[in-house]
């Protein structure tokens, strides 16, 4: 179900549907609809950016990589050890999600 991806990511990010709606400037009823039917394409980039996920994965689930990985970020991380990359991803994601 398309809304299941959103529901899972809201929990991981620590959002309730009400809080997420408030942060996005949407109504709770709108977010409830997304939890049932999925995020509409016109809203996918805004929602994906806030949850730090790939918009395509969020909307259609057709890509296997749910993480939002920009080419610039990936190029930057190439010079670090795997442990350092994991730590840097945590730091980078903290800047992407305004809680």
PDB file of N, CA and C in Angstrom:
ATOM      1  N   UNK A   1       0.843  -1.185   0.000  1.00  0.00           N
ATOM      2  CA  UNK A   1       0.000   0.000   0.000  1.00  0.00           C
ATOM      3  C   UNK A   1       0.890   1.251   0.000  1.00  0.00           C
ATOM      4  N   UNK A   2       0.554   2.210  -0.830  1.00  0.00           N
ATOM      5  CA  UNK A   2       1.377   3.404  -0.967  1.00  0.00           C
ATOM      6  C   UNK A   2       1.497   4.188   0.340  1.00  0.00           C
ATOM      7  N   UNK A   3       0.441   4.294   1.107  1.00  0.00           N
ATOM      8  CA  UNK A   3       0.478   5.043   2.351  1.00  0.00           C
ATOM      9  C   UNK A   3       1.347   4.409   3.428  1.00  0.00           C
ATOM     10  N   UNK A   4       1.603   3.116   3.303  1.00  0.00           N
ATOM     11  CA  UNK A   4       2.432   2.434   4.307  1.00  0.00           C
ATOM     12  C   UNK A   4       3.854   2.978   4.337  1.00  0.00           C
ATOM     13  N   UNK A   5       4.381   3.342   3.174  1.00  0.00           N
ATOM     14  CA  UNK A   5       5.729   3.913   3.147  1.00  0.00           C
ATOM     15  C   UNK A   5       5.767   5.225   3.921  1.00  0.00           C
ATOM     16  N   UNK A   6       4.751   6.059   3.716  1.00  0.00           N
ATOM     17  CA  UNK A   6       4.681   7.330   4.437  1.00  0.00           C
ATOM     18  C   UNK A   6       4.528   7.087   5.930  1.00  0.00           C
ATOM     19  N   UNK A   7       3.652   6.186   6.302  1.00  0.00           N
ATOM     20  CA  UNK A   7       3.421   5.886   7.719  1.00  0.00           C
ATOM     21  C   UNK A   7       4.718   5.430   8.398  1.00  0.00           C
ATOM     22  N   UNK A   8       5.451   4.566   7.745  1.00  0.00           N
ATOM     23  CA  UNK A   8       6.712   4.064   8.296  1.00  0.00           C
ATOM     24  C   UNK A   8       7.721   5.190   8.464  1.00  0.00           C
ATOM     25  N   UNK A   9       7.855   6.028   7.457  1.00  0.00           N
ATOM     26  CA  UNK A   9       8.831   7.115   7.525  1.00  0.00           C
ATOM     27  C   UNK A   9       8.441   8.172   8.553  1.00  0.00           C
ATOM     28  N   UNK A  10       7.160   8.406   8.741  1.00  0.00           N
ATOM     29  CA  UNK A  10       6.734   9.346   9.784  1.00  0.00           C
ATOM     30  C   UNK A  10       7.170   8.846  11.155  1.00  0.00           C
ATOM     31  N   UNK A  11       6.991   7.563  11.399  1.00  0.00           N
ATOM     32  CA  UNK A  11       7.398   6.987  12.686  1.00  0.00           C
ATOM     33  C   UNK A  11       8.901   7.085  12.881  1.00  0.00           C
ATOM     34  N   UNK A  12       9.657   6.753  11.858  1.00  0.00           N
ATOM     35  CA  UNK A  12      11.116   6.803  11.944  1.00  0.00           C
ATOM     36  C   UNK A  12      11.586   8.230  12.226  1.00  0.00           C
ATOM     37  N   UNK A  13      10.952   9.202  11.588  1.00  0.00           N
ATOM     38  CA  UNK A  13      11.342  10.605  11.762  1.00  0.00           C
ATOM     39  C   UNK A  13      10.781  11.220  13.039  1.00  0.00           C
ATOM     40  N   UNK A  14       9.920  10.488  13.739  1.00  0.00           N
ATOM     41  CA  UNK A  14       9.371  10.991  14.997  1.00  0.00           C
ATOM     42  C   UNK A  14       8.195  11.936  14.844  1.00  0.00           C
ATOM     43  N   UNK A  15       7.512  11.866  13.717  1.00  0.00           N
ATOM     44  CA  UNK A  15       6.348  12.722  13.480  1.00  0.00           C
ATOM     45  C   UNK A  15       5.046  11.984  13.766  1.00  0.00           C
ATOM     46  N   UNK A  16       4.107  12.678  14.355  1.00  0.00           N
ATOM     47  CA  UNK A  16       2.729  12.213  14.346  1.00  0.00           C
ATOM     48  C   UNK A  16       2.105  12.763  13.073  1.00  0.00           C
ATOM     49  N   UNK A  17       1.021  12.185  12.594  1.00  0.00           N
ATOM     50  CA  UNK A  17       0.378  12.763  11.409  1.00  0.00           C
ATOM     51  C   UNK A  17      -0.017  14.226  11.613  1.00  0.00           C
ATOM     52  N   UNK A  18      -0.470  14.572  12.810  1.00  0.00           N
ATOM     53  CA  UNK A  18      -0.856  15.964  13.085  1.00  0.00           C
ATOM     54  C   UNK A  18       0.338  16.905  13.008  1.00  0.00           C
ATOM     55  N   UNK A  19       1.441  16.516  13.618  1.00  0.00           N
ATOM     56  CA  UNK A  19       2.635  17.361  13.608  1.00  0.00           C
ATOM     57  C   UNK A  19       3.188  17.486  12.189  1.00  0.00           C
ATOM     58  N   UNK A  20       3.199  16.394  11.454  1.00  0.00           N
ATOM     59  CA  UNK A  20       3.684  16.420  10.086  1.00  0.00           C
ATOM     60  C   UNK A  20       2.828  17.351   9.234  1.00  0.00           C
ATOM     61  N   UNK A  21       1.515  17.270   9.392  1.00  0.00           N
ATOM     62  CA  UNK A  21       0.610  18.164   8.656  1.00  0.00           C
ATOM     63  C   UNK A  21       0.922  19.619   8.988  1.00  0.00           C
ATOM     64  N   UNK A  22       1.136  19.906  10.258  1.00  0.00           N
ATOM     65  CA  UNK A  22       1.442  21.277  10.677  1.00  0.00           C
ATOM     66  C   UNK A  22       2.745  21.774  10.042  1.00  0.00           C
ATOM     67  N   UNK A  23       3.779  20.948  10.077  1.00  0.00           N
ATOM     68  CA  UNK A  23       5.080  21.335   9.522  1.00  0.00           C
ATOM     69  C   UNK A  23       4.965  21.593   8.016  1.00  0.00           C
ATOM     70  N   UNK A  24       4.155  20.796   7.325  1.00  0.00           N
ATOM     71  CA  UNK A  24       3.985  20.953   5.879  1.00  0.00           C
ATOM     72  C   UNK A  24       3.008  22.061   5.503  1.00  0.00           C
ATOM     73  N   UNK A  25       2.231  22.536   6.480  1.00  0.00           N
ATOM     74  CA  UNK A  25       1.201  23.525   6.160  1.00  0.00           C
ATOM     75  C   UNK A  25      -0.021  22.900   5.517  1.00  0.00           C
ATOM     76  N   UNK A  26      -0.254  21.632   5.816  1.00  0.00           N
ATOM     77  CA  UNK A  26      -1.405  20.893   5.305  1.00  0.00           C
ATOM     78  C   UNK A  26      -2.363  20.606   6.457  1.00  0.00           C
ATOM     79  N   UNK A  27      -3.546  20.150   6.133  1.00  0.00           N
ATOM     80  CA  UNK A  27      -4.490  19.756   7.182  1.00  0.00           C
ATOM     81  C   UNK A  27      -4.225  18.312   7.591  1.00  0.00           C
ATOM     82  N   UNK A  28      -4.680  17.967   8.769  1.00  0.00           N
ATOM     83  CA  UNK A  28      -4.551  16.581   9.230  1.00  0.00           C
ATOM     84  C   UNK A  28      -5.328  15.647   8.304  1.00  0.00           C
ATOM     85  N   UNK A  29      -6.468  16.113   7.810  1.00  0.00           N
ATOM     86  CA  UNK A  29      -7.277  15.298   6.910  1.00  0.00           C
ATOM     87  C   UNK A  29      -6.515  14.991   5.612  1.00  0.00           C
ATOM     88  N   UNK A  30      -5.746  15.964   5.132  1.00  0.00           N
ATOM     89  CA  UNK A  30      -4.947  15.743   3.929  1.00  0.00           C
ATOM     90  C   UNK A  30      -3.915  14.652   4.169  1.00  0.00           C
ATOM     91  N   UNK A  31      -3.195  14.757   5.279  1.00  0.00           N
ATOM     92  CA  UNK A  31      -2.176  13.747   5.601  1.00  0.00           C
ATOM     93  C   UNK A  31      -2.830  12.385   5.828  1.00  0.00           C
ATOM     94  N   UNK A  32      -3.987  12.352   6.474  1.00  0.00           N
ATOM     95  CA  UNK A  32      -4.707  11.083   6.644  1.00  0.00           C
ATOM     96  C   UNK A  32      -5.033  10.453   5.281  1.00  0.00           C
ATOM     97  N   UNK A  33      -5.408  11.290   4.317  1.00  0.00           N
ATOM     98  CA  UNK A  33      -5.672  10.790   2.969  1.00  0.00           C
ATOM     99  C   UNK A  33      -4.426  10.204   2.341  1.00  0.00           C
ATOM    100  N   UNK A  34      -3.288  10.871   2.560  1.00  0.00           N
ATOM    101  CA  UNK A  34      -2.029  10.345   2.028  1.00  0.00           C
ATOM    102  C   UNK A  34      -1.683   9.012   2.665  1.00  0.00           C
ATOM    103  N   UNK A  35      -2.012   8.855   3.944  1.00  0.00           N
ATOM    104  CA  UNK A  35      -1.735   7.592   4.631  1.00  0.00           C
ATOM    105  C   UNK A  35      -2.594   6.461   4.079  1.00  0.00           C
ATOM    106  N   UNK A  36      -3.721   6.796   3.479  1.00  0.00           N
ATOM    107  CA  UNK A  36      -4.589   5.793   2.868  1.00  0.00           C
ATOM    108  C   UNK A  36      -4.239   5.538   1.397  1.00  0.00           C
ATOM    109  N   UNK A  37      -3.966   6.624   0.658  1.00  0.00           N
ATOM    110  CA  UNK A  37      -3.814   6.519  -0.796  1.00  0.00           C
ATOM    111  C   UNK A  37      -2.409   6.798  -1.309  1.00  0.00           C
ATOM    112  N   UNK A  38      -1.527   7.276  -0.453  1.00  0.00           N
ATOM    113  CA  UNK A  38      -0.188   7.647  -0.884  1.00  0.00           C
ATOM    114  C   UNK A  38      -0.080   9.142  -1.129  1.00  0.00           C
ATOM    115  N   UNK A  39       1.135   9.615  -1.236  1.00  0.00           N
ATOM    116  CA  UNK A  39       1.409  11.040  -1.442  1.00  0.00           C
ATOM    117  C   UNK A  39       1.213  11.367  -2.925  1.00  0.00           C
ATOM    118  N   UNK A  40       0.452  12.417  -3.235  1.00  0.00           N
ATOM    119  CA  UNK A  40       0.276  12.770  -4.649  1.00  0.00           C
ATOM    120  C   UNK A  40       1.579  13.306  -5.243  1.00  0.00           C
ATOM    121  N   UNK A  41       1.793  13.062  -6.518  1.00  0.00           N
ATOM    122  CA  UNK A  41       3.046  13.510  -7.159  1.00  0.00           C
ATOM    123  C   UNK A  41       3.336  14.995  -6.969  1.00  0.00           C
ATOM    124  N   UNK A  42       2.324  15.839  -6.942  1.00  0.00           N
ATOM    125  CA  UNK A  42       2.578  17.281  -6.819  1.00  0.00           C
ATOM    126  C   UNK A  42       3.140  17.660  -5.452  1.00  0.00           C
ATOM    127  N   UNK A  43       3.020  16.779  -4.470  1.00  0.00           N
ATOM    128  CA  UNK A  43       3.531  17.048  -3.124  1.00  0.00           C
ATOM    129  C   UNK A  43       4.745  16.194  -2.775  1.00  0.00           C
ATOM    130  N   UNK A  44       5.116  15.280  -3.668  1.00  0.00           N
ATOM    131  CA  UNK A  44       6.130  14.285  -3.322  1.00  0.00           C
ATOM    132  C   UNK A  44       7.497  14.889  -3.005  1.00  0.00           C
ATOM    133  N   UNK A  45       7.919  15.937  -3.694  1.00  0.00           N
ATOM    134  CA  UNK A  45       9.250  16.479  -3.444  1.00  0.00           C
ATOM    135  C   UNK A  45       9.330  17.163  -2.090  1.00  0.00           C
ATOM    136  N   UNK A  46       8.300  17.898  -1.743  1.00  0.00           N
ATOM    137  CA  UNK A  46       8.276  18.573  -0.446  1.00  0.00           C
ATOM    138  C   UNK A  46       8.271  17.553   0.697  1.00  0.00           C
ATOM    139  N   UNK A  47       7.433  16.540   0.578  1.00  0.00           N
ATOM    140  CA  UNK A  47       7.340  15.496   1.602  1.00  0.00           C
ATOM    141  C   UNK A  47       8.634  14.693   1.656  1.00  0.00           C
ATOM    142  N   UNK A  48       9.156  14.310   0.506  1.00  0.00           N
ATOM    143  CA  UNK A  48      10.383  13.513   0.461  1.00  0.00           C
ATOM    144  C   UNK A  48      11.565  14.267   1.053  1.00  0.00           C
ATOM    145  N   UNK A  49      11.644  15.555   0.783  1.00  0.00           N
ATOM    146  CA  UNK A  49      12.746  16.360   1.325  1.00  0.00           C
ATOM    147  C   UNK A  49      12.664  16.399   2.848  1.00  0.00           C
ATOM    148  N   UNK A  50      11.480  16.586   3.365  1.00  0.00           N
ATOM    149  CA  UNK A  50      11.305  16.660   4.813  1.00  0.00           C
ATOM    150  C   UNK A  50      11.627  15.325   5.486  1.00  0.00           C
ATOM    151  N   UNK A  51      11.283  14.224   4.838  1.00  0.00           N
ATOM    152  CA  UNK A  51      11.524  12.903   5.417  1.00  0.00           C
ATOM    153  C   UNK A  51      12.854  12.297   4.982  1.00  0.00           C
ATOM    154  N   UNK A  52      13.580  13.008   4.117  1.00  0.00           N
ATOM    155  CA  UNK A  52      14.888  12.563   3.649  1.00  0.00           C
ATOM    156  C   UNK A  52      14.812  11.214   2.937  1.00  0.00           C
ATOM    157  N   UNK A  53      13.870  11.120   2.001  1.00  0.00           N
ATOM    158  CA  UNK A  53      13.729   9.905   1.194  1.00  0.00           C
ATOM    159  C   UNK A  53      13.669  10.289  -0.276  1.00  0.00           C
ATOM    160  N   UNK A  54      13.848   9.303  -1.117  1.00  0.00           N
ATOM    161  CA  UNK A  54      13.764   9.482  -2.550  1.00  0.00           C
ATOM    162  C   UNK A  54      12.297   9.705  -2.924  1.00  0.00           C
ATOM    163  N   UNK A  55      11.960  10.790  -3.649  1.00  0.00           N
ATOM    164  CA  UNK A  55      10.558  11.051  -4.006  1.00  0.00           C
ATOM    165  C   UNK A  55       9.911   9.921  -4.807  1.00  0.00           C
ATOM    166  N   UNK A  56      10.662   9.328  -5.717  1.00  0.00           N
ATOM    167  CA  UNK A  56      10.102   8.229  -6.515  1.00  0.00           C
ATOM    168  C   UNK A  56       9.732   7.052  -5.629  1.00  0.00           C
ATOM    169  N   UNK A  57      10.584   6.721  -4.680  1.00  0.00           N
ATOM    170  CA  UNK A  57      10.292   5.626  -3.755  1.00  0.00           C
ATOM    171  C   UNK A  57       9.036   5.928  -2.946  1.00  0.00           C
ATOM    172  N   UNK A  58       8.902   7.164  -2.519  1.00  0.00           N
ATOM    173  CA  UNK A  58       7.761   7.559  -1.700  1.00  0.00           C
ATOM    174  C   UNK A  58       6.449   7.459  -2.469  1.00  0.00           C
ATOM    175  N   UNK A  59       6.442   7.877  -3.723  1.00  0.00           N
ATOM    176  CA  UNK A  59       5.202   7.945  -4.491  1.00  0.00           C
ATOM    177  C   UNK A  59       4.828   6.616  -5.133  1.00  0.00           C
ATOM    178  N   UNK A  60       5.775   5.966  -5.768  1.00  0.00           N
ATOM    179  CA  UNK A  60       5.429   4.747  -6.505  1.00  0.00           C
ATOM    180  C   UNK A  60       6.159   3.506  -6.030  1.00  0.00           C
ATOM    181  N   UNK A  61       7.191   3.683  -5.235  1.00  0.00           N
ATOM    182  CA  UNK A  61       7.927   2.533  -4.718  1.00  0.00           C
ATOM    183  C   UNK A  61       8.665   1.751  -5.781  1.00  0.00           C
ATOM    184  N   UNK A  62       8.871   2.349  -6.954  1.00  0.00           N
ATOM    185  CA  UNK A  62       9.472   1.592  -8.053  1.00  0.00           C
ATOM    186  C   UNK A  62      10.993   1.526  -7.987  1.00  0.00           C
ATOM    187  N   UNK A  63      11.589   2.421  -7.248  1.00  0.00           N
ATOM    188  CA  UNK A  63      13.045   2.361  -7.139  1.00  0.00           C
ATOM    189  C   UNK A  63      13.406   1.607  -5.864  1.00  0.00           C
ATOM    190  N   UNK A  64      14.529   0.951  -5.871  1.00  0.00           N
ATOM    191  CA  UNK A  64      14.898   0.131  -4.724  1.00  0.00           C
ATOM    192  C   UNK A  64      15.585   0.928  -3.631  1.00  0.00           C
ATOM    193  N   UNK A  65      16.077   2.115  -3.948  1.00  0.00           N
ATOM    194  CA  UNK A  65      16.821   2.911  -2.991  1.00  0.00           C
ATOM    195  C   UNK A  65      15.911   3.966  -2.384  1.00  0.00           C
ATOM    196  N   UNK A  66      15.524   3.782  -1.124  1.00  0.00           N
ATOM    197  CA  UNK A  66      14.630   4.748  -0.503  1.00  0.00           C
ATOM    198  C   UNK A  66      15.360   6.002  -0.053  1.00  0.00           C
ATOM    199  N   UNK A  67      16.652   5.912   0.148  1.00  0.00           N
ATOM    200  CA  UNK A  67      17.397   7.072   0.647  1.00  0.00           C
ATOM    201  C   UNK A  67      17.607   8.103  -0.449  1.00  0.00           C
ATOM    202  N   UNK A  68      17.567   9.346  -0.043  1.00  0.00           N
ATOM    203  CA  UNK A  68      17.827  10.435  -0.977  1.00  0.00           C
ATOM    204  C   UNK A  68      19.327  10.651  -1.014  1.00  0.00           C
ATOM    205  N   UNK A  69      19.946  10.287  -2.113  1.00  0.00           N
ATOM    206  CA  UNK A  69      21.401  10.373  -2.218  1.00  0.00           C
ATOM    207  C   UNK A  69      21.751  11.221  -3.427  1.00  0.00           C
ATOM    208  N   UNK A  70      22.115  12.461  -3.187  1.00  0.00           N
ATOM    209  CA  UNK A  70      22.466  13.331  -4.298  1.00  0.00           C
ATOM    210  C   UNK A  70      23.851  12.960  -4.812  1.00  0.00           C
ATOM    211  N   UNK A  71      24.097  13.172  -6.096  1.00  0.00           N
ATOM    212  CA  UNK A  71      25.427  12.880  -6.646  1.00  0.00           C
ATOM    213  C   UNK A  71      26.532  13.676  -5.951  1.00  0.00           C
ATOM    214  N   UNK A  72      26.229  14.919  -5.568  1.00  0.00           N
ATOM    215  CA  UNK A  72      27.227  15.747  -4.897  1.00  0.00           C
ATOM    216  C   UNK A  72      27.606  15.166  -3.542  1.00  0.00           C
ATOM    217  N   UNK A  73      26.600  14.729  -2.795  1.00  0.00           N
ATOM    218  CA  UNK A  73      26.863  14.141  -1.477  1.00  0.00           C
ATOM    219  C   UNK A  73      27.647  12.851  -1.619  1.00  0.00           C
ATOM    220  N   UNK A  74      27.258  12.019  -2.570  1.00  0.00           N
ATOM    221  CA  UNK A  74      27.947  10.746  -2.767  1.00  0.00           C
ATOM    222  C   UNK A  74      29.402  10.966  -3.177  1.00  0.00           C
ATOM    223  N   UNK A  75      29.651  11.950  -4.023  1.00  0.00           N
ATOM    224  CA  UNK A  75      31.031  12.249  -4.429  1.00  0.00           C
ATOM    225  C   UNK A  75      31.848  12.724  -3.230  1.00  0.00           C
ATOM    226  N   UNK A  76      31.249  13.540  -2.393  1.00  0.00           N
ATOM    227  CA  UNK A  76      31.921  14.038  -1.190  1.00  0.00           C
ATOM    228  C   UNK A  76      32.288  12.886  -0.258  1.00  0.00           C
ATOM    229  N   UNK A  77      31.389  11.926  -0.094  1.00  0.00           N
ATOM    230  CA  UNK A  77      31.591  10.839   0.869  1.00  0.00           C
ATOM    231  C   UNK A  77      32.574   9.768   0.390  1.00  0.00           C
ATOM    232  N   UNK A  78      32.959   9.771  -0.860  1.00  0.00           N
ATOM    233  CA  UNK A  78      33.828   8.720  -1.395  1.00  0.00           C
ATOM    234  C   UNK A  78      35.190   8.652  -0.715  1.00  0.00           C
ATOM    235  N   UNK A  79      35.674   9.756  -0.171  1.00  0.00           N
ATOM    236  CA  UNK A  79      37.007   9.751   0.415  1.00  0.00           C
ATOM    237  C   UNK A  79      37.059   9.312   1.868  1.00  0.00           C
ATOM    238  N   UNK A  80      35.929   8.870   2.426  1.00  0.00           N
ATOM    239  CA  UNK A  80      35.874   8.513   3.846  1.00  0.00           C
ATOM    240  C   UNK A  80      35.722   7.008   4.040  1.00  0.00           C
ATOM    241  N   UNK A  81      36.092   6.554   5.230  1.00  0.00           N
ATOM    242  CA  UNK A  81      35.909   5.135   5.569  1.00  0.00           C
ATOM    243  C   UNK A  81      34.414   4.856   5.760  1.00  0.00           C
ATOM    244  N   UNK A  82      34.014   3.582   5.698  1.00  0.00           N
ATOM    245  CA  UNK A  82      32.596   3.258   5.892  1.00  0.00           C
ATOM    246  C   UNK A  82      32.025   3.780   7.222  1.00  0.00           C
ATOM    247  N   UNK A  83      32.800   3.694   8.292  1.00  0.00           N
ATOM    248  CA  UNK A  83      32.321   4.206   9.583  1.00  0.00           C
ATOM    249  C   UNK A  83      32.127   5.720   9.541  1.00  0.00           C
ATOM    250  N   UNK A  84      33.057   6.399   8.884  1.00  0.00           N
ATOM    251  CA  UNK A  84      32.934   7.847   8.764  1.00  0.00           C
ATOM    252  C   UNK A  84      31.747   8.223   7.879  1.00  0.00           C
ATOM    253  N   UNK A  85      31.521   7.460   6.824  1.00  0.00           N
ATOM    254  CA  UNK A  85      30.376   7.722   5.943  1.00  0.00           C
ATOM    255  C   UNK A  85      29.075   7.585   6.721  1.00  0.00           C
ATOM    256  N   UNK A  86      28.955   6.529   7.536  1.00  0.00           N
ATOM    257  CA  UNK A  86      27.744   6.349   8.343  1.00  0.00           C
ATOM    258  C   UNK A  86      27.528   7.534   9.270  1.00  0.00           C
ATOM    259  N   UNK A  87      28.585   7.977   9.929  1.00  0.00           N
ATOM    260  CA  UNK A  87      28.475   9.113  10.848  1.00  0.00           C
ATOM    261  C   UNK A  87      28.111  10.391  10.097  1.00  0.00           C
ATOM    262  N   UNK A  88      28.725  10.603   8.947  1.00  0.00           N
ATOM    263  CA  UNK A  88      28.423  11.803   8.164  1.00  0.00           C
ATOM    264  C   UNK A  88      26.992  11.785   7.629  1.00  0.00           C
ATOM    265  N   UNK A  89      26.490  10.621   7.264  1.00  0.00           N
ATOM    266  CA  UNK A  89      25.095  10.537   6.801  1.00  0.00           C
ATOM    267  C   UNK A  89      24.128  10.943   7.915  1.00  0.00           C
ATOM    268  N   UNK A  90      24.417  10.546   9.127  1.00  0.00           N
ATOM    269  CA  UNK A  90      23.574  10.949  10.263  1.00  0.00           C
ATOM    270  C   UNK A  90      23.592  12.471  10.414  1.00  0.00           C
ATOM    271  N   UNK A  91      24.770  13.041  10.331  1.00  0.00           N
ATOM    272  CA  UNK A  91      24.899  14.492  10.466  1.00  0.00           C
ATOM    273  C   UNK A  91      24.184  15.200   9.319  1.00  0.00           C
ATOM    274  N   UNK A  92      24.384  14.741   8.098  1.00  0.00           N
ATOM    275  CA  UNK A  92      23.740  15.357   6.935  1.00  0.00           C
ATOM    276  C   UNK A  92      22.224  15.259   7.049  1.00  0.00           C
ATOM    277  N   UNK A  93      21.723  14.113   7.449  1.00  0.00           N
ATOM    278  CA  UNK A  93      20.265  13.959   7.541  1.00  0.00           C
ATOM    279  C   UNK A  93      19.675  14.850   8.629  1.00  0.00           C
ATOM    280  N   UNK A  94      20.428  15.142   9.671  1.00  0.00           N
ATOM    281  CA  UNK A  94      19.931  16.038  10.719  1.00  0.00           C
ATOM    282  C   UNK A  94      19.692  17.441  10.171  1.00  0.00           C
ATOM    283  N   UNK A  95      20.482  17.848   9.197  1.00  0.00           N
ATOM    284  CA  UNK A  95      20.305  19.164   8.599  1.00  0.00           C
ATOM    285  C   UNK A  95      19.153  19.196   7.607  1.00  0.00           C
ATOM    286  N   UNK A  96      18.785  18.055   7.082  1.00  0.00           N
ATOM    287  CA  UNK A  96      17.699  17.990   6.094  1.00  0.00           C
ATOM    288  C   UNK A  96      16.330  17.975   6.735  1.00  0.00           C
ATOM    289  N   UNK A  97      16.224  17.542   7.975  1.00  0.00           N
ATOM    290  CA  UNK A  97      14.924  17.393   8.620  1.00  0.00           C
ATOM    291  C   UNK A  97      14.720  18.448   9.699  1.00  0.00           C
ATOM    292  N   UNK A  98      13.925  19.474   9.427  1.00  0.00           N
ATOM    293  CA  UNK A  98      13.668  20.464  10.477  1.00  0.00           C
ATOM    294  C   UNK A  98      12.579  19.978  11.412  1.00  0.00           C
ATOM    295  N   UNK A  99      12.957  19.446  12.568  1.00  0.00           N
ATOM    296  CA  UNK A  99      11.981  18.919  13.533  1.00  0.00           C
ATOM    297  C   UNK A  99      11.513  20.021  14.436  1.00  0.00           C
TER     298      UNK A  99
END
